[in-house]
Protein backbone atom coordinates (compact mmCIF):
# COMPACT_ATOMS: atom_id res chain seq x y z
CA MET A 1 215.70 137.33 292.47
CA THR A 2 212.91 135.25 294.31
CA THR A 3 213.08 131.53 294.26
CA ARG A 4 209.82 130.17 292.85
CA PRO A 5 208.67 127.14 291.05
CA HIS A 6 208.03 127.68 287.05
CA ARG A 7 206.35 125.91 284.09
CA ALA A 8 208.03 122.74 283.29
CA ARG A 9 210.35 123.52 280.05
CA SER A 10 212.78 121.35 278.08
CA ARG A 11 216.47 122.25 278.12
CA PRO A 12 217.89 123.07 274.87
CA SER A 13 220.88 121.12 273.32
CA ALA A 14 224.30 122.21 273.82
CA ALA A 15 224.02 123.17 269.93
CA ASP A 16 221.09 125.35 270.49
CA ARG A 17 222.52 126.99 273.22
CA ASP A 18 225.83 128.03 271.36
CA ALA A 19 223.83 128.84 268.57
CA GLU A 20 222.57 132.11 270.20
CA PRO A 21 222.71 134.98 267.67
CA ILE A 22 223.50 138.73 268.29
CA GLU A 23 220.64 140.52 266.59
CA THR A 24 220.97 143.88 265.26
CA PRO A 25 218.84 146.21 267.26
CA GLY A 26 215.84 148.05 265.63
CA PRO A 27 214.61 151.85 266.01
CA GLU A 28 212.71 150.49 269.36
CA PHE A 29 215.84 150.13 270.98
CA ASP A 30 216.93 153.72 271.31
CA ARG A 31 218.74 154.76 274.57
CA ALA A 32 216.68 156.44 277.07
CA GLY A 33 215.81 159.97 276.36
CA ASP A 34 215.25 163.01 278.61
CA SER A 35 212.77 162.42 281.35
CA PRO A 36 212.52 163.42 285.15
CA ALA A 37 213.58 159.57 285.88
CA ASN A 38 216.53 160.11 283.38
CA GLU A 39 217.51 163.14 285.22
CA ARG A 40 217.64 161.25 288.55
CA TRP A 41 219.60 158.30 286.94
CA ARG A 42 222.24 160.70 285.42
CA ALA A 43 222.59 162.88 288.71
CA LEU A 44 223.45 159.33 290.46
CA LEU A 45 225.88 158.61 287.98
CA ALA A 46 227.57 162.05 288.17
CA GLU A 47 228.43 161.54 291.91
CA GLY A 48 231.10 159.26 290.79
CA GLY A 49 232.52 156.21 292.44
CA PRO A 50 230.76 152.94 292.78
CA ILE A 51 226.93 152.69 293.11
CA LEU A 52 225.61 150.06 296.07
CA ALA A 53 222.43 148.49 294.66
CA ASP A 54 220.22 146.18 297.09
CA GLY A 55 220.46 142.68 298.07
CA ALA A 56 217.77 139.74 297.93
CA MET A 57 213.98 140.16 298.34
CA GLY A 58 213.23 136.52 298.14
CA THR A 59 215.43 135.32 301.06
CA MET A 60 214.05 138.03 303.18
CA LEU A 61 210.66 136.94 302.68
CA PHE A 62 211.28 133.36 303.28
CA ALA A 63 212.61 134.49 306.64
CA ALA A 64 209.38 136.53 307.50
CA GLY A 65 207.24 133.46 306.59
CA LEU A 66 206.72 133.22 302.83
CA GLN A 67 206.13 129.67 301.99
CA PHE A 68 208.03 128.17 298.86
CA GLY A 69 205.78 128.06 295.71
CA ASP A 70 203.70 131.21 296.90
CA PRO A 71 203.84 134.24 294.78
CA PRO A 72 205.67 136.71 296.66
CA GLU A 73 204.06 139.83 294.74
CA VAL A 74 200.77 139.37 296.47
CA TRP A 75 202.52 140.32 299.90
CA ASN A 76 202.64 144.06 298.21
CA VAL A 77 198.69 143.88 298.99
CA SER A 78 198.33 141.73 301.77
CA GLN A 79 201.61 142.36 303.98
CA PRO A 80 202.93 145.69 302.77
CA ASP A 81 204.74 146.54 306.10
CA VAL A 82 206.78 143.36 305.51
CA ILE A 83 207.76 144.50 302.13
CA ARG A 84 208.38 148.02 303.40
CA ARG A 85 210.36 146.72 306.35
CA ILE A 86 212.82 144.84 303.95
CA GLN A 87 213.30 147.68 301.64
CA ARG A 88 213.75 149.92 304.44
CA GLY A 89 216.81 147.60 305.76
CA TYR A 90 218.45 147.96 302.19
CA LEU A 91 218.34 152.07 302.43
CA GLU A 92 219.46 151.81 306.00
CA ALA A 93 222.47 149.85 304.60
CA GLY A 94 223.19 152.31 302.17
CA SER A 95 221.58 151.18 298.75
CA ARG A 96 221.22 153.78 296.16
CA ILE A 97 219.33 151.60 294.03
CA VAL A 98 216.35 149.31 295.28
CA MET A 99 214.29 147.08 293.24
CA THR A 100 210.42 146.45 293.64
CA ASN A 101 209.04 143.02 294.83
CA THR A 102 208.03 142.29 291.23
CA PHE A 103 210.47 139.70 289.98
CA GLY A 104 207.81 137.29 288.99
CA GLY A 105 205.14 140.26 288.42
CA ASN A 106 204.31 139.46 284.64
CA ARG A 107 201.21 138.11 283.69
CA LEU A 108 202.67 134.41 282.51
CA ARG A 109 204.22 133.63 286.07
CA LEU A 110 201.12 135.30 287.77
CA ARG A 111 198.67 132.82 285.82
CA LEU A 112 200.21 129.77 287.59
CA HIS A 113 198.50 131.19 290.87
CA GLY A 114 195.17 132.48 288.92
CA LEU A 115 196.45 136.09 289.43
CA ASP A 116 197.45 137.04 285.75
CA GLY A 117 194.10 139.68 285.87
CA ARG A 118 196.13 141.53 288.86
CA VAL A 119 199.33 142.20 287.15
CA ALA A 120 198.56 146.26 287.11
CA GLU A 121 197.58 146.12 290.69
CA LEU A 122 200.32 144.32 291.98
CA ASN A 123 203.03 145.94 290.07
CA ARG A 124 201.70 149.32 290.72
CA THR A 125 201.22 148.88 294.33
CA ALA A 126 205.06 147.59 294.62
CA ALA A 127 206.25 150.71 293.33
CA VAL A 128 204.26 152.97 295.45
CA LEU A 129 205.47 150.98 298.53
CA LEU A 130 209.00 151.51 297.82
CA ARG A 131 208.73 155.02 296.80
CA THR A 132 207.26 155.76 300.06
CA GLU A 133 210.38 154.42 301.72
CA VAL A 134 212.71 155.99 299.60
CA GLU A 135 211.27 159.29 300.25
CA ALA A 136 210.81 158.59 303.84
CA ALA A 137 214.52 157.72 303.65
CA GLY A 138 215.31 161.17 302.24
CA GLY A 139 214.91 160.60 298.50
CA ARG A 140 218.57 159.79 297.94
CA ALA A 141 218.04 156.31 296.31
CA LEU A 142 216.45 155.45 293.05
CA VAL A 143 213.17 152.89 292.55
CA ALA A 144 214.15 150.16 290.17
CA GLY A 145 210.91 148.24 288.85
CA ASP A 146 212.18 144.71 288.81
CA ILE A 147 211.32 142.57 285.85
CA GLY A 148 212.43 139.08 285.78
CA PRO A 149 211.78 136.32 283.23
CA THR A 150 208.39 134.83 281.99
CA GLY A 151 209.48 131.32 282.89
CA GLU A 152 208.63 130.21 279.28
CA ILE A 153 211.29 129.55 276.48
CA MET A 154 211.01 131.57 273.77
CA ALA A 155 210.34 130.01 270.08
CA PRO A 156 211.65 128.26 268.05
CA LEU A 157 213.15 126.32 270.99
CA GLY A 158 210.04 126.81 272.85
CA THR A 159 206.11 127.94 272.44
CA LEU A 160 206.40 131.91 273.54
CA SER A 161 206.39 133.96 270.51
CA GLU A 162 208.21 137.13 270.24
CA GLU A 163 205.02 139.30 269.85
CA GLU A 164 203.24 137.73 273.12
CA ALA A 165 206.70 138.21 275.16
CA VAL A 166 206.89 141.86 274.00
CA GLU A 167 203.07 142.35 275.36
CA VAL A 168 203.58 140.71 278.66
CA PHE A 169 206.69 142.65 279.42
CA ALA A 170 205.04 145.93 278.26
CA GLU A 171 202.27 145.16 280.35
CA GLN A 172 204.26 144.92 283.49
CA ALA A 173 206.52 147.67 282.67
CA ALA A 174 203.58 149.89 282.26
CA ALA A 175 202.21 149.14 285.68
CA LEU A 176 205.74 149.92 287.38
CA ILE A 177 205.99 153.11 285.51
CA ALA A 178 202.57 154.08 286.51
CA GLY A 179 203.52 153.70 290.04
CA GLY A 180 206.49 155.93 289.76
CA VAL A 181 209.73 154.04 289.22
CA ASP A 182 212.58 155.71 288.37
CA LEU A 183 214.24 152.78 286.17
CA ILE A 184 213.65 149.31 285.03
CA TRP A 185 215.84 146.59 285.92
CA ILE A 186 215.63 143.44 283.94
CA GLU A 187 217.37 140.30 285.69
CA THR A 188 217.91 136.99 285.94
CA MET A 189 217.62 136.52 281.83
CA SER A 190 219.09 133.58 279.99
CA HIS A 191 218.00 134.23 276.49
CA LEU A 192 218.92 137.16 274.21
CA SER A 193 215.81 136.88 272.64
CA GLU A 194 213.72 137.25 275.74
CA ILE A 195 215.70 140.02 277.02
CA LYS A 196 215.43 141.77 273.70
CA ALA A 197 211.53 141.06 274.21
CA ALA A 198 211.76 142.58 277.42
CA ILE A 199 213.62 145.86 276.32
CA GLN A 200 211.32 146.35 273.45
CA GLY A 201 208.36 146.05 275.94
CA VAL A 202 209.70 148.75 278.16
CA ARG A 203 210.43 150.98 275.40
CA GLN A 204 206.97 150.63 274.04
CA VAL A 205 205.64 152.23 277.22
CA SER A 206 208.44 154.65 277.98
CA ALA A 207 211.26 156.12 275.70
CA GLY A 208 212.73 157.96 278.51
CA ILE A 209 213.33 155.58 281.28
CA PRO A 210 216.54 154.00 282.04
CA ILE A 211 217.12 150.25 281.91
CA ILE A 212 219.55 148.09 283.50
CA ALA A 213 219.71 144.46 282.21
CA THR A 214 221.33 141.46 283.95
CA MET A 215 221.73 137.97 282.76
CA THR A 216 222.88 134.64 284.72
CA PHE A 217 226.21 133.16 283.73
CA ASP A 218 225.67 129.90 285.82
CA THR A 219 226.88 127.34 283.06
CA ARG A 220 230.55 127.21 282.86
CA GLY A 221 230.85 130.85 282.09
CA HIS A 222 227.74 131.13 279.64
CA THR A 223 224.04 131.32 280.66
CA MET A 224 221.83 128.40 280.46
CA MET A 225 220.94 129.06 276.90
CA GLY A 226 224.57 129.48 275.78
CA VAL A 227 225.06 133.13 276.08
CA SER A 228 228.66 134.36 276.38
CA PRO A 229 229.24 137.61 278.75
CA GLU A 230 231.09 139.02 275.42
CA ALA A 231 227.69 138.33 273.41
CA ALA A 232 225.67 139.66 275.94
CA VAL A 233 227.52 143.19 276.53
CA THR A 234 227.98 143.51 272.97
CA ALA A 235 224.00 143.07 272.12
CA LEU A 236 222.87 144.72 275.23
CA ALA A 237 225.04 147.76 274.45
CA ALA A 238 223.80 147.98 271.05
CA TRP A 239 220.26 147.71 272.07
CA GLY A 240 220.91 151.01 274.03
CA VAL A 241 220.58 149.62 277.74
CA ASP A 242 221.77 151.79 280.20
CA ALA A 243 223.78 149.50 282.34
CA ILE A 244 224.63 145.88 281.81
CA GLY A 245 225.95 142.95 283.75
CA GLY A 246 225.32 139.69 285.58
CA ASN A 247 223.00 138.70 288.69
CA CYS A 248 222.39 135.79 290.71
CA GLY A 249 224.11 132.47 289.87
CA ASN A 250 226.46 130.17 292.08
CA GLY A 251 228.48 133.10 293.70
CA PRO A 252 230.74 135.88 293.46
CA ASP A 253 233.55 133.47 292.26
CA GLU A 254 231.51 132.85 289.30
CA LEU A 255 230.28 136.15 288.30
CA LEU A 256 233.89 137.93 288.64
CA PRO A 257 235.34 136.44 285.46
CA VAL A 258 232.11 137.39 283.92
CA ILE A 259 232.51 141.08 284.73
CA GLU A 260 236.20 140.62 283.56
CA ARG A 261 235.46 139.59 280.30
CA MET A 262 232.46 142.03 280.01
CA HIS A 263 235.02 144.93 280.62
CA ALA A 264 237.52 143.68 278.14
CA ALA A 265 234.83 143.38 275.70
CA ALA A 266 233.54 146.77 275.80
CA PRO A 267 235.33 148.97 278.47
CA ASP A 268 233.09 151.85 278.18
CA VAL A 269 229.83 150.31 279.34
CA LEU A 270 228.65 150.77 282.62
CA LEU A 271 228.75 147.36 284.26
CA VAL A 272 226.72 145.68 287.04
CA ALA A 273 227.61 142.90 289.32
CA LYS A 274 225.01 141.52 291.53
CA SER A 275 225.60 137.97 292.60
CA ASN A 276 224.43 135.13 295.16
CA ALA A 277 225.82 135.06 298.46
CA GLY A 278 227.78 131.92 297.41
CA MET A 279 226.93 128.42 295.94
CA PRO A 280 223.49 127.59 297.23
CA GLU A 281 222.76 124.52 299.31
CA LEU A 282 219.55 122.48 299.48
CA VAL A 283 218.77 122.43 303.38
CA ASP A 284 215.17 121.29 304.51
CA MET A 285 213.80 122.27 300.95
CA ARG A 286 214.99 125.55 301.38
CA ALA A 287 218.26 127.07 299.69
CA VAL A 288 220.87 128.29 302.13
CA TYR A 289 223.81 130.49 301.22
CA ARG A 290 227.15 130.28 303.15
CA ALA A 291 228.67 133.44 302.14
CA ASP A 292 229.01 136.07 305.16
CA PRO A 293 229.05 139.86 305.02
CA SER A 294 232.87 139.87 305.07
CA THR A 295 233.16 137.28 302.19
CA MET A 296 230.58 139.56 300.03
CA ALA A 297 232.50 142.54 300.94
CA GLU A 298 235.65 141.30 299.63
CA ALA A 299 233.76 140.17 296.55
CA ALA A 300 232.27 143.75 296.15
CA VAL A 301 235.96 145.06 296.11
CA GLY A 302 237.00 142.39 293.42
CA PHE A 303 233.89 143.39 291.18
CA ARG A 304 234.83 147.03 291.56
CA ASN A 305 238.35 146.25 290.61
CA ALA A 306 237.29 144.20 287.50
CA GLY A 307 235.23 146.99 286.29
CA ALA A 308 231.79 146.87 287.79
CA ARG A 309 230.43 150.38 288.85
CA ILE A 310 226.80 149.35 290.10
CA ILE A 311 227.42 146.47 292.91
CA GLY A 312 224.87 144.76 294.94
CA ALA A 313 224.05 141.29 295.83
CA CYS A 314 221.24 138.53 295.12
CA CYS A 315 219.95 135.17 296.63
CA GLY A 316 221.09 134.62 300.11
CA SER A 317 222.09 138.10 301.00
CA THR A 318 220.65 140.22 303.67
CA PRO A 319 220.94 144.27 304.51
CA ALA A 320 223.90 143.16 306.56
CA HIS A 321 225.61 141.80 303.61
CA LEU A 322 225.04 145.24 301.83
CA GLU A 323 226.13 147.51 304.75
CA ALA A 324 229.71 145.41 304.68
CA MET A 325 229.76 145.81 300.90
CA GLY A 326 228.84 149.33 301.04
CA ALA A 327 231.79 150.07 303.84
CA ALA A 328 234.31 148.08 301.65
CA LEU A 329 233.85 150.31 298.61
CA GLY A 330 233.91 153.31 300.37
């Protein structure tokens, strides 16, 4: 996840959040079918044991000079060597799933910077950059096309219709898949209707590509929109998502019980844990995260013991964090 400004939006009431439904999947939510990407995904799973994902992109970009409020996706074109160096660091740390620099690569977020006409270019380029690094590292890792939220609130609480949301996500997914990603990772979602639209958008483009989907449970064990871990894992599993879990939030202590609750509700689901490196603190207008590599290594073992198999880190993490986590996971 990358920290960035977003459009102003009203916070829903507690009643609105708690009313989040679990919807019945339609035919567009079939599980991934046979494809080369699906074969690589199945081969990784067949290796057994925990799978190390990557860490933060935004944190590393800020350290490299990205200014708060600037769109990170532009660096795929303007500073590709920086993007590749960051991803190379995670590959060298042992990450087997690495994400593209496209968290805000949908047209609604890019429109804030007058870049909505460059969705295809920025996402496709991001996928090509990461694929180049993965192949240079021996081709053992999977390229995950990163899709974040639109920054809008879905109707009826907000103004973003389901039809437009699906179209927006399909456009981004098409560009990522054209660039050669192995899977799509939908992350940092808070509303079931938006993550459902993202899944549908991906499936409109590809029936075969694997999908990982993670939500952010940063409000008393629920997402900002009131989704519980049990509701999330139930709905996402019914919609054919290949791996489900949580990311971002206020650190591993917050995410651990979420993973435990998901595992209790759906013990056969492939679970994902990708927490921030501790509780964020604002210092000189920058988010600072205090969890060091040894703390995150201990957290990684806790996530594994709670039932997660794909384990990485989010905001505030670096390759050093992931290297320590990988060593702890064996």
